[in-house]
Amino acid sequence: MAFRDFDGVYRSNTSFYGERPSPFLVHYLDKFAVDGHGAGLDLGCGQGRNALYLAGRGFDMQAVDGSAEAIAVLESRAREQRLNISGQVADLAALDIAEDRYRLIIANTSLDHLDEAGGARLAAGMQRGLLRGGLLFVSVFMQDDPGYAAQGRQASETAAYVMHYYRPGELRAQFAGLTLLAYQEEYALDTGHGVPHYHAIARLFARRDD
């Protein structure tokens, strides 16, 4: 399934994932005292909860998603809040990221919505897109996730959209060219959307130093 298939999901609920940013993204930015300035890129931004937060923090945000419905919601909210966000409808599998441009790039459960080869290609582009000293936040679903084996009611209602569940250590290896600042793999309850369900997830926060 393509990202554009989320159009129906977002059309039926203009706050599908809620309006609060990822608490892990907020935690890492605070922990490492990241001040808000420079260009930021949110890949698979959905309706923009993270992009809006980052723009409010001072980043000049570009937000990309395959769903036109999601980008429409994001742009409306950005205008209402007078935030500097440029929305773009694009296929992440074919996206070319400008090199040496971004101070911050995030992909919150986006790489796993591509097949393994497509995710690896996008990950490489993300690393090239960072400025020296630029930061990266990524999260992905892992093979212990209930959605991987379609384990009934415990799986998220959007599990069918995930194309590649990551193996233990795979995300860390994928960004081995960056300086790792924080990494975790966990199995936890998600109450952020739909019926409460569990996810196995890996999260990474890293910096480009070369």
N, C-alpha and C. Protein backbone atom coordinates (compact mmCIF):
# COMPACT_ATOMS: atom_id res chain seq x y z
N MET A 1 0.84 -1.19 0.00
CA MET A 1 0.00 0.00 0.00
C MET A 1 0.88 1.25 0.00
N ALA A 2 0.46 2.27 -0.71
CA ALA A 2 1.23 3.50 -0.80
C ALA A 2 0.77 4.49 0.27
N PHE A 3 1.59 5.51 0.50
CA PHE A 3 1.23 6.53 1.48
C PHE A 3 -0.07 7.20 1.11
N ARG A 4 -0.35 7.35 -0.18
CA ARG A 4 -1.57 8.03 -0.58
C ARG A 4 -2.81 7.28 -0.12
N ASP A 5 -2.69 5.98 0.18
CA ASP A 5 -3.82 5.22 0.69
C ASP A 5 -4.26 5.72 2.05
N PHE A 6 -3.42 6.52 2.69
CA PHE A 6 -3.79 7.12 3.96
C PHE A 6 -4.80 8.26 3.77
N ASP A 7 -5.07 8.67 2.54
CA ASP A 7 -6.01 9.76 2.30
C ASP A 7 -7.34 9.49 3.00
N GLY A 8 -7.84 8.26 2.87
CA GLY A 8 -9.11 7.92 3.49
C GLY A 8 -9.04 7.97 5.00
N VAL A 9 -7.91 7.52 5.56
CA VAL A 9 -7.71 7.56 7.01
C VAL A 9 -7.74 8.99 7.51
N TYR A 10 -6.99 9.87 6.84
CA TYR A 10 -6.91 11.25 7.28
C TYR A 10 -8.19 12.03 6.97
N ARG A 11 -8.90 11.65 5.92
CA ARG A 11 -10.14 12.34 5.58
C ARG A 11 -11.20 12.11 6.65
N SER A 12 -11.16 10.94 7.26
CA SER A 12 -12.17 10.60 8.26
C SER A 12 -11.81 11.12 9.66
N ASN A 13 -10.56 11.55 9.84
CA ASN A 13 -10.12 12.01 11.16
C ASN A 13 -8.98 13.00 10.99
N THR A 14 -9.27 14.27 11.23
CA THR A 14 -8.26 15.31 11.00
C THR A 14 -7.21 15.38 12.10
N SER A 15 -7.34 14.54 13.13
CA SER A 15 -6.29 14.44 14.15
C SER A 15 -6.04 12.98 14.46
N PHE A 16 -5.73 12.20 13.42
CA PHE A 16 -5.67 10.76 13.56
C PHE A 16 -4.64 10.33 14.60
N TYR A 17 -3.44 10.92 14.56
CA TYR A 17 -2.39 10.59 15.53
C TYR A 17 -2.31 11.60 16.67
N GLY A 18 -3.31 12.44 16.78
CA GLY A 18 -3.29 13.47 17.80
C GLY A 18 -2.49 14.69 17.35
N GLU A 19 -2.40 15.67 18.21
CA GLU A 19 -1.73 16.92 17.86
C GLU A 19 -0.44 17.14 18.64
N ARG A 20 -0.15 16.26 19.57
CA ARG A 20 1.09 16.40 20.33
C ARG A 20 2.25 15.75 19.58
N PRO A 21 3.43 16.35 19.65
CA PRO A 21 4.60 15.75 18.98
C PRO A 21 5.04 14.47 19.68
N SER A 22 5.88 13.71 19.03
CA SER A 22 6.46 12.53 19.66
C SER A 22 7.18 12.94 20.94
N PRO A 23 6.83 12.34 22.07
CA PRO A 23 7.52 12.71 23.32
C PRO A 23 9.01 12.37 23.28
N PHE A 24 9.38 11.38 22.48
CA PHE A 24 10.79 10.99 22.38
C PHE A 24 11.57 12.04 21.60
N LEU A 25 10.98 12.57 20.55
CA LEU A 25 11.62 13.66 19.81
C LEU A 25 11.84 14.86 20.74
N VAL A 26 10.80 15.23 21.47
CA VAL A 26 10.91 16.35 22.41
C VAL A 26 12.00 16.08 23.45
N HIS A 27 12.01 14.87 23.97
CA HIS A 27 13.00 14.50 25.00
C HIS A 27 14.42 14.64 24.47
N TYR A 28 14.69 14.12 23.28
CA TYR A 28 16.05 14.17 22.75
C TYR A 28 16.48 15.61 22.46
N LEU A 29 15.58 16.41 21.92
CA LEU A 29 15.94 17.80 21.65
C LEU A 29 16.26 18.55 22.94
N ASP A 30 15.49 18.26 23.97
CA ASP A 30 15.75 18.91 25.27
C ASP A 30 17.02 18.36 25.92
N LYS A 31 17.18 17.04 25.89
CA LYS A 31 18.34 16.42 26.53
C LYS A 31 19.65 16.93 25.95
N PHE A 32 19.68 17.12 24.62
CA PHE A 32 20.91 17.54 23.97
C PHE A 32 20.91 19.05 23.67
N ALA A 33 19.99 19.76 24.32
CA ALA A 33 19.94 21.24 24.27
C ALA A 33 20.00 21.76 22.84
N VAL A 34 19.12 21.24 21.99
CA VAL A 34 19.07 21.64 20.58
C VAL A 34 18.23 22.90 20.46
N ASP A 35 18.86 23.99 20.05
CA ASP A 35 18.10 25.22 19.86
C ASP A 35 17.44 25.21 18.48
N GLY A 36 16.34 25.90 18.36
CA GLY A 36 15.54 25.85 17.13
C GLY A 36 15.95 26.90 16.11
N HIS A 37 16.74 26.51 15.15
CA HIS A 37 17.05 27.38 14.02
C HIS A 37 17.53 26.51 12.87
N GLY A 38 17.49 27.04 11.67
CA GLY A 38 17.96 26.30 10.50
C GLY A 38 16.85 25.49 9.85
N ALA A 39 17.22 24.81 8.77
CA ALA A 39 16.26 24.06 7.98
C ALA A 39 15.99 22.69 8.59
N GLY A 40 14.72 22.31 8.63
CA GLY A 40 14.33 20.99 9.12
C GLY A 40 13.49 20.27 8.08
N LEU A 41 13.53 18.94 8.12
CA LEU A 41 12.80 18.11 7.17
C LEU A 41 12.09 17.01 7.92
N ASP A 42 10.76 16.91 7.71
CA ASP A 42 9.95 15.87 8.32
C ASP A 42 9.44 14.96 7.22
N LEU A 43 9.90 13.72 7.20
CA LEU A 43 9.56 12.76 6.16
C LEU A 43 8.44 11.85 6.64
N GLY A 44 7.35 11.77 5.87
CA GLY A 44 6.18 11.03 6.31
C GLY A 44 5.51 11.79 7.45
N CYS A 45 5.28 13.07 7.24
CA CYS A 45 4.86 13.99 8.31
C CYS A 45 3.42 13.78 8.75
N GLY A 46 2.60 13.07 7.95
CA GLY A 46 1.20 12.95 8.29
C GLY A 46 0.54 14.31 8.39
N GLN A 47 -0.31 14.49 9.37
CA GLN A 47 -1.02 15.76 9.53
C GLN A 47 -0.19 16.82 10.26
N GLY A 48 1.07 16.49 10.54
CA GLY A 48 2.01 17.53 10.91
C GLY A 48 2.28 17.77 12.37
N ARG A 49 1.95 16.83 13.25
CA ARG A 49 2.13 17.10 14.68
C ARG A 49 3.59 17.40 15.03
N ASN A 50 4.53 16.69 14.41
CA ASN A 50 5.95 16.95 14.70
C ASN A 50 6.47 18.18 13.97
N ALA A 51 6.07 18.34 12.72
CA ALA A 51 6.52 19.50 11.94
C ALA A 51 6.03 20.80 12.56
N LEU A 52 4.79 20.82 13.02
CA LEU A 52 4.25 22.02 13.67
C LEU A 52 5.01 22.35 14.95
N TYR A 53 5.31 21.32 15.71
CA TYR A 53 6.07 21.54 16.94
C TYR A 53 7.46 22.10 16.63
N LEU A 54 8.12 21.52 15.64
CA LEU A 54 9.48 21.95 15.32
C LEU A 54 9.49 23.37 14.75
N ALA A 55 8.49 23.71 13.95
CA ALA A 55 8.40 25.07 13.43
C ALA A 55 8.16 26.05 14.58
N GLY A 56 7.33 25.64 15.55
CA GLY A 56 7.11 26.47 16.72
C GLY A 56 8.36 26.64 17.56
N ARG A 57 9.24 25.67 17.44
CA ARG A 57 10.50 25.72 18.19
C ARG A 57 11.54 26.58 17.47
N GLY A 58 11.26 26.94 16.21
CA GLY A 58 12.15 27.84 15.48
C GLY A 58 12.75 27.31 14.20
N PHE A 59 12.50 26.05 13.86
CA PHE A 59 13.04 25.49 12.63
C PHE A 59 12.21 25.94 11.42
N ASP A 60 12.89 26.13 10.29
CA ASP A 60 12.21 26.38 9.01
C ASP A 60 11.92 25.02 8.40
N MET A 61 10.67 24.59 8.48
CA MET A 61 10.35 23.20 8.19
C MET A 61 9.85 22.95 6.77
N GLN A 62 10.36 21.86 6.20
CA GLN A 62 9.79 21.26 5.00
C GLN A 62 9.17 19.94 5.45
N ALA A 63 7.90 19.72 5.12
CA ALA A 63 7.18 18.54 5.58
C ALA A 63 6.65 17.78 4.36
N VAL A 64 7.00 16.49 4.29
CA VAL A 64 6.69 15.70 3.09
C VAL A 64 5.83 14.50 3.47
N ASP A 65 4.80 14.25 2.69
CA ASP A 65 3.96 13.07 2.89
C ASP A 65 3.32 12.69 1.56
N GLY A 66 2.99 11.42 1.42
CA GLY A 66 2.34 10.95 0.21
C GLY A 66 0.86 11.24 0.17
N SER A 67 0.28 11.65 1.29
CA SER A 67 -1.15 11.92 1.37
C SER A 67 -1.45 13.39 1.19
N ALA A 68 -2.20 13.73 0.15
CA ALA A 68 -2.61 15.11 -0.07
C ALA A 68 -3.54 15.58 1.04
N GLU A 69 -4.35 14.68 1.57
CA GLU A 69 -5.25 15.03 2.67
C GLU A 69 -4.46 15.47 3.89
N ALA A 70 -3.40 14.75 4.20
CA ALA A 70 -2.57 15.09 5.36
C ALA A 70 -1.90 16.44 5.18
N ILE A 71 -1.34 16.68 4.01
CA ILE A 71 -0.65 17.94 3.75
C ILE A 71 -1.62 19.11 3.81
N ALA A 72 -2.85 18.91 3.36
CA ALA A 72 -3.86 19.98 3.42
C ALA A 72 -4.15 20.37 4.86
N VAL A 73 -4.27 19.38 5.75
CA VAL A 73 -4.49 19.66 7.17
C VAL A 73 -3.29 20.40 7.75
N LEU A 74 -2.10 19.91 7.45
CA LEU A 74 -0.87 20.54 7.94
C LEU A 74 -0.79 22.00 7.51
N GLU A 75 -1.00 22.26 6.24
CA GLU A 75 -0.87 23.63 5.74
C GLU A 75 -1.92 24.55 6.37
N SER A 76 -3.13 24.04 6.59
CA SER A 76 -4.16 24.84 7.24
C SER A 76 -3.75 25.20 8.66
N ARG A 77 -3.22 24.25 9.39
CA ARG A 77 -2.78 24.51 10.76
C ARG A 77 -1.59 25.45 10.80
N ALA A 78 -0.69 25.30 9.84
CA ALA A 78 0.48 26.18 9.79
C ALA A 78 0.05 27.63 9.55
N ARG A 79 -0.94 27.83 8.67
CA ARG A 79 -1.44 29.19 8.44
C ARG A 79 -2.11 29.75 9.69
N GLU A 80 -2.92 28.93 10.35
CA GLU A 80 -3.60 29.38 11.55
C GLU A 80 -2.61 29.79 12.64
N GLN A 81 -1.52 29.02 12.75
CA GLN A 81 -0.54 29.28 13.81
C GLN A 81 0.60 30.18 13.34
N ARG A 82 0.55 30.58 12.07
CA ARG A 82 1.58 31.47 11.49
C ARG A 82 2.97 30.88 11.66
N LEU A 83 3.09 29.63 11.23
CA LEU A 83 4.35 28.92 11.34
C LEU A 83 4.98 28.74 9.96
N ASN A 84 6.30 28.71 9.93
CA ASN A 84 7.04 28.60 8.68
C ASN A 84 7.21 27.13 8.30
N ILE A 85 6.22 26.61 7.56
CA ILE A 85 6.26 25.22 7.11
C ILE A 85 5.88 25.17 5.64
N SER A 86 6.68 24.46 4.85
CA SER A 86 6.39 24.21 3.45
C SER A 86 5.96 22.76 3.30
N GLY A 87 4.72 22.50 2.90
CA GLY A 87 4.22 21.15 2.72
C GLY A 87 4.45 20.64 1.31
N GLN A 88 4.74 19.36 1.19
CA GLN A 88 4.99 18.76 -0.12
C GLN A 88 4.37 17.38 -0.20
N VAL A 89 3.56 17.13 -1.22
CA VAL A 89 3.03 15.80 -1.47
C VAL A 89 4.00 15.08 -2.39
N ALA A 90 4.57 13.97 -1.91
CA ALA A 90 5.58 13.26 -2.69
C ALA A 90 5.67 11.81 -2.23
N ASP A 91 6.11 10.96 -3.14
CA ASP A 91 6.36 9.55 -2.85
C ASP A 91 7.74 9.44 -2.21
N LEU A 92 7.80 9.02 -0.96
CA LEU A 92 9.09 8.94 -0.28
C LEU A 92 10.04 7.97 -0.97
N ALA A 93 9.49 6.96 -1.63
CA ALA A 93 10.34 5.97 -2.29
C ALA A 93 11.12 6.59 -3.45
N ALA A 94 10.63 7.69 -4.00
CA ALA A 94 11.30 8.32 -5.14
C ALA A 94 11.85 9.70 -4.79
N LEU A 95 11.82 10.07 -3.52
CA LEU A 95 12.21 11.41 -3.11
C LEU A 95 13.72 11.61 -3.18
N ASP A 96 14.13 12.71 -3.78
CA ASP A 96 15.54 13.11 -3.78
C ASP A 96 15.73 14.22 -2.74
N ILE A 97 16.58 13.98 -1.78
CA ILE A 97 16.82 14.95 -0.71
C ILE A 97 18.07 15.76 -1.04
N ALA A 98 17.95 17.08 -0.98
CA ALA A 98 19.09 17.94 -1.26
C ALA A 98 20.22 17.63 -0.28
N GLU A 99 21.44 17.57 -0.79
CA GLU A 99 22.58 17.23 0.05
C GLU A 99 23.06 18.43 0.87
N ASP A 100 23.57 18.13 2.07
CA ASP A 100 24.19 19.15 2.94
C ASP A 100 23.28 20.36 3.16
N ARG A 101 22.05 20.10 3.48
CA ARG A 101 21.08 21.20 3.58
C ARG A 101 20.43 21.33 4.95
N TYR A 102 20.14 20.23 5.63
CA TYR A 102 19.24 20.27 6.78
C TYR A 102 19.99 20.16 8.11
N ARG A 103 19.55 20.96 9.06
CA ARG A 103 20.10 20.88 10.41
C ARG A 103 19.41 19.79 11.21
N LEU A 104 18.18 19.44 10.81
CA LEU A 104 17.43 18.39 11.50
C LEU A 104 16.56 17.66 10.49
N ILE A 105 16.64 16.33 10.49
CA ILE A 105 15.75 15.50 9.68
C ILE A 105 15.09 14.48 10.59
N ILE A 106 13.78 14.32 10.45
CA ILE A 106 13.08 13.31 11.23
C ILE A 106 12.25 12.41 10.31
N ALA A 107 12.12 11.17 10.71
CA ALA A 107 11.27 10.20 10.00
C ALA A 107 10.65 9.31 11.07
N ASN A 108 9.48 9.69 11.52
CA ASN A 108 8.81 8.99 12.62
C ASN A 108 7.88 7.92 12.05
N THR A 109 8.30 6.66 12.12
CA THR A 109 7.61 5.51 11.51
C THR A 109 7.27 5.79 10.06
N SER A 110 8.31 6.07 9.28
CA SER A 110 8.16 6.31 7.85
C SER A 110 9.00 5.35 7.01
N LEU A 111 10.24 5.11 7.42
CA LEU A 111 11.10 4.20 6.66
C LEU A 111 10.48 2.81 6.57
N ASP A 112 9.76 2.41 7.60
CA ASP A 112 9.15 1.08 7.61
C ASP A 112 7.92 0.99 6.70
N HIS A 113 7.45 2.12 6.19
CA HIS A 113 6.33 2.12 5.25
C HIS A 113 6.81 1.98 3.81
N LEU A 114 8.11 1.79 3.64
CA LEU A 114 8.71 1.47 2.34
C LEU A 114 9.22 0.04 2.38
N ASP A 115 9.46 -0.56 1.23
CA ASP A 115 10.09 -1.89 1.26
C ASP A 115 11.54 -1.74 1.70
N GLU A 116 12.20 -2.84 1.94
CA GLU A 116 13.54 -2.79 2.53
C GLU A 116 14.51 -1.99 1.67
N ALA A 117 14.48 -2.20 0.37
CA ALA A 117 15.39 -1.48 -0.52
C ALA A 117 15.06 0.01 -0.55
N GLY A 118 13.76 0.33 -0.60
CA GLY A 118 13.35 1.72 -0.62
C GLY A 118 13.71 2.44 0.67
N GLY A 119 13.55 1.75 1.80
CA GLY A 119 13.92 2.35 3.07
C GLY A 119 15.42 2.60 3.17
N ALA A 120 16.21 1.67 2.67
CA ALA A 120 17.66 1.84 2.70
C ALA A 120 18.09 3.01 1.82
N ARG A 121 17.44 3.16 0.66
CA ARG A 121 17.75 4.27 -0.24
C ARG A 121 17.42 5.61 0.43
N LEU A 122 16.25 5.69 1.05
CA LEU A 122 15.86 6.93 1.70
C LEU A 122 16.77 7.23 2.88
N ALA A 123 17.15 6.21 3.64
CA ALA A 123 18.05 6.40 4.78
C ALA A 123 19.39 6.98 4.32
N ALA A 124 19.91 6.49 3.21
CA ALA A 124 21.17 7.02 2.68
C ALA A 124 21.02 8.48 2.28
N GLY A 125 19.88 8.80 1.66
CA GLY A 125 19.62 10.18 1.27
C GLY A 125 19.47 11.10 2.47
N MET A 126 18.90 10.59 3.54
CA MET A 126 18.76 11.38 4.75
C MET A 126 20.12 11.74 5.33
N GLN A 127 21.04 10.79 5.34
CA GLN A 127 22.37 11.06 5.87
C GLN A 127 23.10 12.10 5.03
N ARG A 128 22.97 12.00 3.71
CA ARG A 128 23.60 12.98 2.83
C ARG A 128 22.95 14.36 2.96
N GLY A 129 21.67 14.37 3.32
CA GLY A 129 20.95 15.63 3.42
C GLY A 129 21.29 16.46 4.64
N LEU A 130 21.92 15.85 5.63
CA LEU A 130 22.28 16.59 6.84
C LEU A 130 23.49 17.49 6.62
N LEU A 131 23.44 18.65 7.21
CA LEU A 131 24.64 19.47 7.34
C LEU A 131 25.61 18.82 8.31
N ARG A 132 26.85 19.17 8.27
CA ARG A 132 27.78 18.72 9.30
C ARG A 132 27.31 19.28 10.64
N GLY A 133 27.16 18.40 11.61
CA GLY A 133 26.59 18.79 12.89
C GLY A 133 25.08 18.65 12.94
N GLY A 134 24.47 18.29 11.79
CA GLY A 134 23.03 18.12 11.72
C GLY A 134 22.56 16.88 12.47
N LEU A 135 21.31 16.88 12.87
CA LEU A 135 20.76 15.84 13.74
C LEU A 135 19.66 15.05 13.04
N LEU A 136 19.52 13.80 13.45
CA LEU A 136 18.57 12.88 12.84
C LEU A 136 17.76 12.17 13.92
N PHE A 137 16.43 12.15 13.76
CA PHE A 137 15.56 11.37 14.64
C PHE A 137 14.76 10.41 13.77
N VAL A 138 14.84 9.11 14.09
CA VAL A 138 14.14 8.08 13.32
C VAL A 138 13.50 7.08 14.27
N SER A 139 12.30 6.64 13.94
CA SER A 139 11.70 5.51 14.65
C SER A 139 11.09 4.57 13.61
N VAL A 140 11.13 3.28 13.90
CA VAL A 140 10.60 2.26 13.00
C VAL A 140 9.97 1.13 13.81
N PHE A 141 9.04 0.42 13.20
CA PHE A 141 8.47 -0.77 13.82
C PHE A 141 9.37 -1.97 13.58
N MET A 142 9.38 -2.88 14.55
CA MET A 142 10.27 -4.04 14.50
C MET A 142 9.48 -5.34 14.37
N GLN A 143 10.20 -6.41 14.13
CA GLN A 143 9.56 -7.69 13.85
C GLN A 143 8.82 -8.29 15.03
N ASP A 144 9.08 -7.82 16.24
CA ASP A 144 8.30 -8.27 17.40
C ASP A 144 6.95 -7.59 17.48
N ASP A 145 6.71 -6.62 16.61
CA ASP A 145 5.44 -5.91 16.60
C ASP A 145 4.30 -6.86 16.27
N PRO A 146 3.15 -6.75 16.95
CA PRO A 146 2.03 -7.62 16.63
C PRO A 146 1.59 -7.55 15.18
N GLY A 147 1.78 -6.40 14.55
CA GLY A 147 1.39 -6.26 13.15
C GLY A 147 2.19 -7.13 12.21
N TYR A 148 3.42 -7.50 12.61
CA TYR A 148 4.28 -8.30 11.73
C TYR A 148 3.66 -9.65 11.42
N ALA A 149 3.02 -10.23 12.40
CA ALA A 149 2.37 -11.52 12.19
C ALA A 149 0.85 -11.39 12.19
N ALA A 150 0.37 -10.11 12.08
CA ALA A 150 -1.07 -9.84 12.07
C ALA A 150 -1.76 -10.53 13.24
N GLN A 151 -1.27 -10.26 14.45
CA GLN A 151 -1.77 -10.96 15.64
C GLN A 151 -3.06 -10.33 16.18
N GLY A 152 -4.09 -10.37 15.35
CA GLY A 152 -5.43 -10.03 15.79
C GLY A 152 -5.59 -8.64 16.36
N ARG A 153 -6.32 -8.55 17.45
CA ARG A 153 -6.73 -7.26 17.98
C ARG A 153 -5.57 -6.45 18.55
N GLN A 154 -4.45 -7.09 18.80
CA GLN A 154 -3.31 -6.37 19.37
C GLN A 154 -2.59 -5.50 18.34
N ALA A 155 -2.87 -5.74 17.06
CA ALA A 155 -2.18 -5.00 16.01
C ALA A 155 -2.85 -3.65 15.79
N SER A 156 -2.06 -2.65 15.42
CA SER A 156 -2.59 -1.34 15.07
C SER A 156 -3.51 -1.44 13.86
N GLU A 157 -4.48 -0.52 13.80
CA GLU A 157 -5.40 -0.52 12.66
C GLU A 157 -4.72 -0.11 11.36
N THR A 158 -3.51 0.45 11.45
CA THR A 158 -2.77 0.82 10.24
C THR A 158 -1.59 -0.12 9.98
N ALA A 159 -1.58 -1.28 10.62
CA ALA A 159 -0.46 -2.21 10.47
C ALA A 159 -0.27 -2.65 9.03
N ALA A 160 -1.34 -2.71 8.27
CA ALA A 160 -1.24 -3.19 6.88
C ALA A 160 -0.42 -2.26 6.00
N TYR A 161 -0.19 -1.03 6.46
CA TYR A 161 0.57 -0.08 5.66
C TYR A 161 2.08 -0.26 5.84
N VAL A 162 2.49 -0.98 6.85
CA VAL A 162 3.92 -1.19 7.09
C VAL A 162 4.44 -2.26 6.14
N MET A 163 5.48 -1.92 5.39
CA MET A 163 6.01 -2.83 4.39
C MET A 163 7.25 -3.58 4.85
N HIS A 164 8.00 -2.98 5.79
CA HIS A 164 9.23 -3.62 6.25
C HIS A 164 9.39 -3.44 7.75
N TYR A 165 9.26 -4.53 8.49
CA TYR A 165 9.50 -4.51 9.92
C TYR A 165 10.98 -4.77 10.17
N TYR A 166 11.59 -3.90 10.93
CA TYR A 166 13.04 -3.94 11.13
C TYR A 166 13.45 -5.06 12.08
N ARG A 167 14.61 -5.62 11.81
CA ARG A 167 15.20 -6.63 12.67
C ARG A 167 15.96 -5.95 13.82
N PRO A 168 16.20 -6.65 14.92
CA PRO A 168 16.98 -6.05 16.02
C PRO A 168 18.33 -5.54 15.52
N GLY A 169 18.66 -4.32 15.85
CA GLY A 169 19.93 -3.73 15.46
C GLY A 169 19.98 -3.19 14.04
N GLU A 170 18.95 -3.45 13.23
CA GLU A 170 19.00 -3.03 11.82
C GLU A 170 19.00 -1.52 11.66
N LEU A 171 18.18 -0.82 12.42
CA LEU A 171 18.13 0.64 12.31
C LEU A 171 19.47 1.25 12.69
N ARG A 172 20.05 0.74 13.75
CA ARG A 172 21.34 1.25 14.20
C ARG A 172 22.40 1.04 13.12
N ALA A 173 22.40 -0.10 12.50
CA ALA A 173 23.38 -0.39 11.45
C ALA A 173 23.14 0.48 10.23
N GLN A 174 21.87 0.78 9.94
CA GLN A 174 21.53 1.57 8.75
C GLN A 174 22.12 2.97 8.82
N PHE A 175 22.28 3.49 10.01
CA PHE A 175 22.83 4.84 10.18
C PHE A 175 24.19 4.81 10.88
N ALA A 176 24.96 3.77 10.62
CA ALA A 176 26.26 3.60 11.26
C ALA A 176 27.24 4.71 10.89
N GLY A 177 26.99 5.42 9.80
CA GLY A 177 27.88 6.50 9.39
C GLY A 177 27.73 7.76 10.22
N LEU A 178 26.72 7.80 11.08
CA LEU A 178 26.50 8.95 11.95
C LEU A 178 26.98 8.66 13.37
N THR A 179 27.15 9.70 14.14
CA THR A 179 27.51 9.55 15.55
C THR A 179 26.24 9.30 16.35
N LEU A 180 26.15 8.15 16.98
CA LEU A 180 24.96 7.77 17.72
C LEU A 180 24.90 8.53 19.05
N LEU A 181 23.80 9.21 19.29
CA LEU A 181 23.59 9.93 20.54
C LEU A 181 22.65 9.18 21.48
N ALA A 182 21.65 8.51 20.91
CA ALA A 182 20.70 7.75 21.72
C ALA A 182 20.07 6.67 20.84
N TYR A 183 19.83 5.50 21.43
CA TYR A 183 19.20 4.40 20.69
C TYR A 183 18.45 3.52 21.67
N GLN A 184 17.26 3.08 21.28
CA GLN A 184 16.51 2.15 22.12
C GLN A 184 15.59 1.27 21.27
N GLU A 185 15.37 0.08 21.76
CA GLU A 185 14.39 -0.83 21.19
C GLU A 185 13.47 -1.23 22.34
N GLU A 186 12.15 -1.14 22.12
CA GLU A 186 11.23 -1.46 23.20
C GLU A 186 9.92 -2.03 22.66
N TYR A 187 9.19 -2.67 23.56
CA TYR A 187 7.85 -3.18 23.29
C TYR A 187 6.94 -2.47 24.27
N ALA A 188 6.02 -1.64 23.74
CA ALA A 188 5.27 -0.77 24.64
C ALA A 188 3.84 -0.56 24.14
N LEU A 189 2.99 -0.15 25.05
CA LEU A 189 1.59 0.12 24.74
C LEU A 189 1.45 1.49 24.08
N ASP A 190 0.68 1.55 23.00
CA ASP A 190 0.41 2.80 22.28
C ASP A 190 -1.07 3.15 22.49
N THR A 191 -1.31 4.29 23.11
CA THR A 191 -2.68 4.76 23.31
C THR A 191 -2.96 6.02 22.49
N GLY A 192 -2.09 6.30 21.54
CA GLY A 192 -2.18 7.55 20.79
C GLY A 192 -3.24 7.57 19.71
N HIS A 193 -3.68 6.41 19.24
CA HIS A 193 -4.72 6.39 18.20
C HIS A 193 -5.44 5.06 18.23
N GLY A 194 -6.73 5.10 17.94
CA GLY A 194 -7.51 3.87 17.87
C GLY A 194 -7.60 3.14 19.20
N VAL A 195 -7.89 1.85 19.11
CA VAL A 195 -7.94 1.00 20.31
C VAL A 195 -6.51 0.82 20.83
N PRO A 196 -6.28 0.93 22.14
CA PRO A 196 -4.92 0.72 22.66
C PRO A 196 -4.31 -0.58 22.15
N HIS A 197 -3.05 -0.49 21.72
CA HIS A 197 -2.39 -1.64 21.11
C HIS A 197 -0.90 -1.55 21.39
N TYR A 198 -0.20 -2.64 21.15
CA TYR A 198 1.24 -2.68 21.42
C TYR A 198 2.05 -2.51 20.14
N HIS A 199 3.24 -1.95 20.32
CA HIS A 199 4.20 -1.84 19.22
C HIS A 199 5.58 -2.26 19.72
N ALA A 200 6.31 -2.92 18.84
CA ALA A 200 7.75 -3.10 19.02
C ALA A 200 8.42 -2.05 18.15
N ILE A 201 9.24 -1.21 18.74
CA ILE A 201 9.73 -0.05 18.02
C ILE A 201 11.19 0.23 18.36
N ALA A 202 11.92 0.71 17.38
CA ALA A 202 13.30 1.16 17.57
C ALA A 202 13.36 2.66 17.31
N ARG A 203 14.13 3.37 18.12
CA ARG A 203 14.28 4.81 17.96
C ARG A 203 15.76 5.17 17.99
N LEU A 204 16.12 6.14 17.17
CA LEU A 204 17.52 6.55 17.05
C LEU A 204 17.60 8.06 16.98
N PHE A 205 18.59 8.61 17.65
CA PHE A 205 18.91 10.04 17.57
C PHE A 205 20.41 10.12 17.33
N ALA A 206 20.80 10.78 16.24
CA ALA A 206 22.21 10.74 15.83
C ALA A 206 22.62 12.07 15.22
N ARG A 207 23.93 12.23 15.02
CA ARG A 207 24.48 13.48 14.50
C ARG A 207 25.49 13.18 13.40
N ARG A 208 25.51 14.01 12.40
CA ARG A 208 26.53 13.89 11.34
C ARG A 208 27.75 14.70 11.75
N ASP A 209 28.88 14.03 11.87
CA ASP A 209 30.11 14.69 12.29
C ASP A 209 31.19 14.74 11.20
N ASP A 210 31.00 14.02 10.11
CA ASP A 210 32.08 13.98 9.09
C ASP A 210 32.08 15.22 8.23
